[in-house]
Amino acid sequence: MTKFLFITALFPLFLNAQSFHPAPGDPNSNAIKKDSSCFVGWATGGTVIRGFLNISDTTVEFDGSNKASFGNLNNALGPATGSTTHVLSLGDSGVATLTFDQFIMDGPGYDFAVFENGFTDNYIEIAHVEISSDGIHFFRFPSTTEVPLDTQIGNASFSDCRMLNNLAGKYKAGYGTPFNISEISDDVNLDKFAIKYVRIIDAIGAISGNHTTTDQFGTIINDPFPTPFESGGFDLEAIGIINATLGITDFQLLNVQAFPNPATDQLTVTLSGEALLKIYAQDGRPIQTSNHTDSTIISLSDFAQGMYNLVVIQDNAQHTLRILKK
């Protein structure tokens, strides 16, 4: 929801448990400023399905429409600006799926960040975040809320970002909420080194009725509701890439093979010419780096059993293979 300036009492959440990262400016915050040098790319395309102004009463309209209408998809593309109006408003349970010119990869630390447009700290509107490598199978980040459910947060009320985790929109405009792909469980339908789609789904925020939203534990999420304006729901400002492969076109040029897979004691990598081979654990930790010419045998005898990612880099192209050590 594009922010309207209200004079309101601070929502009485600060007396409760606060388990997660605090607001920007606190040394323990994980908020990332929009102009941080960690960003290597931004969303370049996508689609949007707008949600209702009030999903519990779809007769509610603003300017002749019962759906959110503020902003457009282009506002969510490119670098974050820190603007509170250069956004895409989703409405109740609205969905935006953004795409990129680079693959987002599961690298060291956080891999991407989502920007919303809160006008001040703890004026929060949140959304679930999902990722996909094929555009068909989407996987949601495991979120947690500790926000009390005794009183419904309204559109002029404050919350506490320290009670929310793995939900976009924790931080005010100009500061991104970061996400670590390693926190999503491995799945055969998800290539964590080739994420092409990030989906943002508005968390409705109602604490009663038929349209509640829950976290990973089934706890109801308390978020501003209702927000019956054209700018209702989550306001997407940008998605910034932190860890990325090289270009998608380059990624597809390599003709590399690694066998046997699964492997026990050693892995043979074949690729004409010189290349750099990097092996990462599933949590993004670098395990081994070696130079390659035509054919390379990698000893796996000291590797623990499990999945690994073999990243092959040649002439500014990059390819990732998933390797199973038995």
Protein backbone atom coordinates (compact mmCIF):
# COMPACT_ATOMS: atom_id res chain seq x y z
CA MET A 1 0.00 0.00 0.00
CA THR A 2 1.43 3.40 -0.94
CA LYS A 3 1.95 5.07 2.38
CA PHE A 4 -0.46 7.68 3.70
CA LEU A 5 0.71 9.77 6.62
CA PHE A 6 -1.39 8.99 9.68
CA ILE A 7 -0.90 10.01 13.29
CA THR A 8 -1.34 6.77 15.20
CA ALA A 9 -0.29 5.08 18.38
CA LEU A 10 2.56 2.64 18.04
CA PHE A 11 1.12 -0.83 17.85
CA PRO A 12 1.87 -2.53 21.20
CA LEU A 13 4.06 -5.31 19.88
CA PHE A 14 7.36 -4.33 21.34
CA LEU A 15 6.62 -6.00 24.68
CA ASN A 16 6.63 -9.44 23.08
CA ALA A 17 9.32 -11.80 21.84
CA GLN A 18 11.70 -10.42 19.22
CA SER A 19 13.77 -13.20 17.68
CA PHE A 20 14.87 -11.86 14.32
CA HIS A 21 16.82 -9.06 12.64
CA PRO A 22 16.04 -5.45 13.67
CA ALA A 23 15.45 -2.36 11.54
CA PRO A 24 18.08 -0.67 9.33
CA GLY A 25 20.69 1.25 11.28
CA ASP A 26 20.95 -1.34 14.03
CA PRO A 27 24.28 -3.20 13.79
CA ASN A 28 22.40 -6.51 14.02
CA SER A 29 20.11 -5.74 11.09
CA ASN A 30 20.49 -7.68 7.84
CA ALA A 31 18.77 -4.96 5.80
CA ILE A 32 20.71 -4.12 2.63
CA LYS A 33 20.76 -0.54 1.34
CA LYS A 34 19.63 -0.02 -2.26
CA ASP A 35 23.00 1.30 -3.45
CA SER A 36 25.08 -1.47 -1.86
CA SER A 37 27.92 -2.74 -4.04
CA CYS A 38 26.77 -6.31 -3.34
CA PHE A 39 24.10 -6.07 -6.04
CA VAL A 40 25.16 -7.42 -9.43
CA GLY A 41 21.83 -7.27 -11.24
CA TRP A 42 18.11 -6.51 -11.04
CA ALA A 43 14.83 -7.88 -12.35
CA THR A 44 14.30 -7.27 -16.07
CA GLY A 45 10.83 -8.70 -16.76
CA GLY A 46 7.86 -10.49 -15.30
CA THR A 47 4.11 -10.82 -14.92
CA VAL A 48 1.58 -9.63 -12.36
CA ILE A 49 -1.85 -10.80 -11.21
CA ARG A 50 -3.48 -8.07 -9.12
CA GLY A 51 -5.40 -8.96 -5.96
CA PHE A 52 -8.62 -7.53 -4.55
CA LEU A 53 -8.81 -4.29 -2.58
CA ASN A 54 -10.58 -6.29 0.13
CA ILE A 55 -10.65 -10.03 -0.41
CA SER A 56 -13.23 -10.47 2.35
CA ASP A 57 -15.64 -8.12 0.53
CA THR A 58 -14.98 -8.06 -3.19
CA THR A 59 -17.71 -5.47 -3.77
CA VAL A 60 -15.35 -2.82 -2.40
CA GLU A 61 -14.10 -0.66 -5.28
CA PHE A 62 -11.75 2.26 -5.83
CA ASP A 63 -12.18 4.32 -8.99
CA GLY A 64 -14.47 1.67 -10.48
CA SER A 65 -12.25 -1.36 -9.82
CA ASN A 66 -12.21 -3.94 -7.02
CA LYS A 67 -8.55 -4.77 -7.69
CA ALA A 68 -5.35 -2.96 -6.75
CA SER A 69 -4.23 -0.72 -9.60
CA PHE A 70 -1.46 1.57 -8.36
CA GLY A 71 1.77 1.50 -10.34
CA ASN A 72 2.80 -0.98 -13.01
CA LEU A 73 5.20 -3.85 -13.62
CA ASN A 74 7.91 -1.55 -15.01
CA ASN A 75 8.11 0.14 -11.61
CA ALA A 76 9.41 -3.13 -10.13
CA LEU A 77 12.12 -3.60 -12.76
CA GLY A 78 15.65 -2.28 -12.58
CA PRO A 79 17.49 -0.92 -9.53
CA ALA A 80 15.71 0.04 -6.33
CA THR A 81 15.15 3.78 -6.06
CA GLY A 82 13.99 4.13 -2.46
CA SER A 83 10.82 5.82 -3.71
CA THR A 84 7.53 5.22 -1.90
CA THR A 85 5.53 5.73 -5.10
CA HIS A 86 7.64 4.07 -7.82
CA VAL A 87 6.12 0.66 -7.01
CA LEU A 88 3.79 -2.11 -8.13
CA SER A 89 0.87 -2.59 -5.70
CA LEU A 90 -0.36 -6.18 -5.54
CA GLY A 91 -3.61 -6.06 -3.56
CA ASP A 92 -4.84 -8.89 -1.32
CA SER A 93 -2.99 -12.08 -2.30
CA GLY A 94 -1.76 -10.47 -5.53
CA VAL A 95 1.16 -12.15 -7.28
CA ALA A 96 4.18 -10.77 -9.15
CA THR A 97 6.63 -13.15 -10.83
CA LEU A 98 9.86 -11.45 -11.85
CA THR A 99 12.55 -12.70 -14.23
CA PHE A 100 16.23 -11.84 -14.72
CA ASP A 101 18.94 -11.72 -17.38
CA GLN A 102 21.17 -13.73 -15.07
CA PHE A 103 20.60 -16.88 -13.08
CA ILE A 104 20.46 -16.24 -9.35
CA MET A 105 22.61 -18.84 -7.63
CA ASP A 106 22.95 -20.28 -4.16
CA GLY A 107 26.27 -18.73 -3.23
CA PRO A 108 27.89 -17.60 0.01
CA GLY A 109 25.50 -15.74 2.32
CA TYR A 110 22.40 -14.01 0.96
CA ASP A 111 21.57 -14.45 -2.72
CA PHE A 112 19.01 -11.72 -3.49
CA ALA A 113 16.95 -9.04 -1.76
CA VAL A 114 13.38 -7.75 -2.13
CA PHE A 115 12.50 -4.06 -1.70
CA GLU A 116 9.16 -2.64 -0.51
CA ASN A 117 8.17 0.98 0.17
CA GLY A 118 7.48 1.42 3.89
CA PHE A 119 7.76 5.12 4.70
CA THR A 120 9.41 4.50 8.07
CA ASP A 121 10.76 1.70 10.24
CA ASN A 122 8.20 -0.90 11.33
CA TYR A 123 5.47 0.36 9.01
CA ILE A 124 5.30 -3.05 7.43
CA GLU A 125 3.45 -4.83 4.63
CA ILE A 126 4.75 -8.29 3.91
CA ALA A 127 4.74 -10.96 1.24
CA HIS A 128 5.74 -14.58 0.80
CA VAL A 129 8.71 -15.22 -1.50
CA GLU A 130 9.09 -18.22 -3.80
CA ILE A 131 11.76 -19.21 -6.33
CA SER A 132 11.86 -21.41 -9.42
CA SER A 133 14.44 -22.57 -11.92
CA ASP A 134 11.93 -23.75 -14.54
CA GLY A 135 8.92 -21.44 -14.13
CA ILE A 136 6.71 -24.42 -13.28
CA HIS A 137 7.77 -25.64 -9.87
CA PHE A 138 7.95 -22.89 -7.22
CA PHE A 139 9.41 -23.28 -3.74
CA ARG A 140 8.55 -20.99 -0.83
CA PHE A 141 11.01 -19.66 1.72
CA PRO A 142 10.15 -20.97 5.20
CA SER A 143 8.75 -17.92 6.98
CA THR A 144 8.10 -17.21 10.65
CA THR A 145 5.89 -14.69 12.43
CA GLU A 146 5.79 -13.92 16.14
CA VAL A 147 3.40 -10.97 15.80
CA PRO A 148 0.61 -11.28 18.42
CA LEU A 149 -2.90 -12.08 17.23
CA ASP A 150 -4.90 -10.32 19.95
CA THR A 151 -5.50 -7.20 17.81
CA GLN A 152 -5.77 -6.85 14.04
CA ILE A 153 -3.10 -4.54 12.61
CA GLY A 154 -4.80 -1.80 10.60
CA ASN A 155 -3.53 0.21 7.64
CA ALA A 156 -2.38 3.02 9.95
CA SER A 157 -0.67 0.81 12.54
CA PHE A 158 2.92 -0.14 13.18
CA SER A 159 4.40 -3.60 13.67
CA ASP A 160 7.87 -4.89 14.66
CA CYS A 161 10.26 -6.28 12.05
CA ARG A 162 12.06 -8.26 14.76
CA MET A 163 9.04 -10.58 14.87
CA LEU A 164 9.24 -11.53 11.18
CA ASN A 165 11.64 -13.75 9.26
CA ASN A 166 11.89 -14.75 5.58
CA LEU A 167 9.04 -12.46 4.60
CA ALA A 168 9.59 -9.63 2.11
CA GLY A 169 8.73 -6.11 3.25
CA LYS A 170 10.35 -6.16 6.70
CA TYR A 171 12.23 -2.95 6.03
CA LYS A 172 11.45 0.61 4.98
CA ALA A 173 11.92 2.02 1.49
CA GLY A 174 15.49 1.88 0.23
CA TYR A 175 16.41 -1.22 2.25
CA GLY A 176 16.03 -4.74 0.92
CA THR A 177 15.06 -7.86 2.83
CA PRO A 178 17.65 -10.52 1.89
CA PHE A 179 17.04 -14.20 1.19
CA ASN A 180 19.38 -17.21 1.28
CA ILE A 181 18.48 -19.95 -1.19
CA SER A 182 20.16 -22.59 1.00
CA GLU A 183 17.24 -22.23 3.44
CA ILE A 184 14.96 -23.98 0.95
CA SER A 185 15.12 -27.78 1.03
CA ASP A 186 16.75 -29.56 -1.90
CA ASP A 187 14.37 -30.85 -4.56
CA VAL A 188 14.90 -32.57 -7.89
CA ASN A 189 12.76 -29.86 -9.53
CA LEU A 190 14.86 -26.97 -8.20
CA ASP A 191 18.30 -26.07 -9.53
CA LYS A 192 19.64 -23.79 -6.83
CA PHE A 193 22.40 -22.59 -9.14
CA ALA A 194 20.01 -21.50 -11.89
CA ILE A 195 17.13 -19.53 -10.36
CA LYS A 196 15.32 -17.60 -13.10
CA TYR A 197 12.05 -16.68 -11.35
CA VAL A 198 11.26 -14.97 -8.06
CA ARG A 199 7.58 -14.85 -7.10
CA ILE A 200 6.16 -12.35 -4.61
CA ILE A 201 2.76 -13.21 -3.07
CA ASP A 202 0.99 -10.67 -0.89
CA ALA A 203 0.32 -11.92 2.65
CA ILE A 204 -3.30 -10.90 3.24
CA GLY A 205 -2.81 -10.21 6.95
CA ALA A 206 -6.32 -10.91 8.30
CA ILE A 207 -6.26 -12.68 11.69
CA SER A 208 -9.77 -14.12 11.37
CA GLY A 209 -12.21 -15.23 8.70
CA ASN A 210 -11.67 -17.31 5.57
CA HIS A 211 -8.68 -15.45 4.15
CA THR A 212 -5.90 -15.75 6.70
CA THR A 213 -2.29 -16.36 5.68
CA THR A 214 0.10 -18.55 7.67
CA ASP A 215 3.84 -19.03 8.13
CA GLN A 216 5.76 -22.31 7.89
CA PHE A 217 4.37 -23.45 11.25
CA GLY A 218 0.75 -22.66 10.48
CA THR A 219 0.77 -19.49 12.59
CA ILE A 220 -1.54 -16.78 11.25
CA ILE A 221 0.25 -13.70 9.91
CA ASN A 222 -0.98 -10.38 11.34
CA ASP A 223 -0.40 -7.66 8.75
CA PRO A 224 -2.32 -4.46 7.86
CA PHE A 225 -5.88 -5.43 6.89
CA PRO A 226 -8.03 -4.32 5.26
CA THR A 227 -6.24 -1.91 2.92
CA PRO A 228 -9.08 -0.93 0.53
CA PHE A 229 -7.13 1.46 -1.68
CA GLU A 230 -5.80 1.31 -5.24
CA SER A 231 -2.39 0.90 -3.58
CA GLY A 232 -3.52 -1.89 -1.26
CA GLY A 233 -1.39 -4.89 -0.39
CA PHE A 234 2.34 -5.41 -0.84
CA ASP A 235 4.12 -2.72 -2.86
CA LEU A 236 6.99 -4.23 -4.83
CA GLU A 237 9.80 -1.77 -5.57
CA ALA A 238 12.63 -4.00 -6.82
CA ILE A 239 14.46 -7.32 -6.55
CA GLY A 240 18.26 -7.18 -6.52
CA ILE A 241 20.60 -10.07 -7.32
CA ILE A 242 23.55 -10.66 -5.00
CA ASN A 243 24.88 -14.05 -6.16
CA ALA A 244 24.57 -14.79 -9.87
CA THR A 245 26.00 -16.92 -12.62
CA LEU A 246 27.05 -15.20 -15.82
CA GLY A 247 24.63 -14.62 -18.69
CA ILE A 248 21.94 -17.22 -19.39
CA THR A 249 22.96 -17.41 -23.04
CA ASP A 250 26.59 -18.05 -22.10
CA PHE A 251 25.47 -20.65 -19.57
CA GLN A 252 23.96 -22.72 -22.36
CA LEU A 253 27.05 -22.67 -24.59
CA LEU A 254 29.24 -25.04 -22.59
CA ASN A 255 29.35 -28.72 -23.48
CA VAL A 256 30.67 -30.21 -20.28
CA GLN A 257 30.27 -33.72 -18.90
CA ALA A 258 31.01 -35.14 -15.45
CA PHE A 259 30.93 -38.88 -14.73
CA PRO A 260 30.20 -41.20 -13.06
CA ASN A 261 27.31 -39.49 -11.31
CA PRO A 262 26.61 -40.60 -8.62
CA ALA A 263 30.32 -40.95 -7.87
CA THR A 264 32.19 -42.77 -5.12
CA ASP A 265 35.94 -42.11 -5.20
CA GLN A 266 36.56 -39.88 -8.19
CA LEU A 267 34.81 -37.73 -10.77
CA THR A 268 35.97 -37.21 -14.36
CA VAL A 269 35.20 -33.86 -16.01
CA THR A 270 35.53 -33.48 -19.79
CA LEU A 271 35.43 -30.18 -21.67
CA SER A 272 37.63 -29.07 -24.57
CA GLY A 273 40.12 -26.37 -23.66
CA GLU A 274 40.98 -24.68 -20.40
CA ALA A 275 38.47 -23.95 -17.65
CA LEU A 276 38.13 -23.34 -13.93
CA LEU A 277 36.34 -25.93 -11.79
CA LYS A 278 34.72 -24.97 -8.49
CA ILE A 279 32.91 -27.33 -6.13
CA TYR A 280 30.40 -26.00 -3.59
CA ALA A 281 28.50 -27.67 -0.79
CA GLN A 282 24.70 -27.33 -0.91
CA ASP A 283 24.84 -24.53 1.66
CA GLY A 284 27.05 -22.50 -0.68
CA ARG A 285 30.39 -23.18 1.05
CA PRO A 286 33.31 -23.43 -1.40
CA ILE A 287 34.95 -26.86 -1.14
CA GLN A 288 37.56 -27.02 -3.90
CA THR A 289 38.88 -25.04 -6.88
CA SER A 290 41.07 -26.46 -9.64
CA ASN A 291 42.28 -25.65 -13.15
CA HIS A 292 41.09 -27.81 -16.03
CA THR A 293 42.45 -28.68 -19.49
CA ASP A 294 40.37 -31.04 -21.68
CA SER A 295 39.93 -33.73 -19.01
CA THR A 296 40.27 -33.59 -15.22
CA ILE A 297 39.95 -36.27 -12.56
CA ILE A 298 38.73 -34.96 -9.20
CA SER A 299 39.32 -37.07 -6.11
CA LEU A 300 36.22 -37.36 -3.93
CA SER A 301 37.69 -39.67 -1.31
CA ASP A 302 37.74 -36.93 1.35
CA PHE A 303 34.23 -35.66 0.52
CA ALA A 304 31.33 -36.47 2.82
CA GLN A 305 28.37 -38.23 1.24
CA GLY A 306 25.75 -35.88 -0.20
CA MET A 307 24.96 -33.43 -2.99
CA TYR A 308 27.51 -30.95 -4.37
CA ASN A 309 27.46 -28.30 -7.10
CA LEU A 310 30.24 -28.38 -9.67
CA VAL A 311 30.61 -24.96 -11.32
CA VAL A 312 32.55 -24.91 -14.61
CA ILE A 313 33.76 -21.52 -15.89
CA GLN A 314 35.21 -21.09 -19.38
CA ASP A 315 35.60 -17.95 -21.52
CA ASN A 316 33.05 -15.94 -19.52
CA ALA A 317 30.52 -18.79 -19.71
CA GLN A 318 29.45 -20.79 -16.70
CA HIS A 319 27.69 -24.10 -16.13
CA THR A 320 26.61 -25.86 -12.95
CA LEU A 321 26.23 -29.61 -12.49
CA ARG A 322 24.72 -31.31 -9.44
CA ILE A 323 26.97 -34.14 -8.26
CA LEU A 324 26.03 -36.89 -5.80
CA LYS A 325 28.84 -38.37 -3.71
CA LYS A 326 27.88 -41.85 -2.48
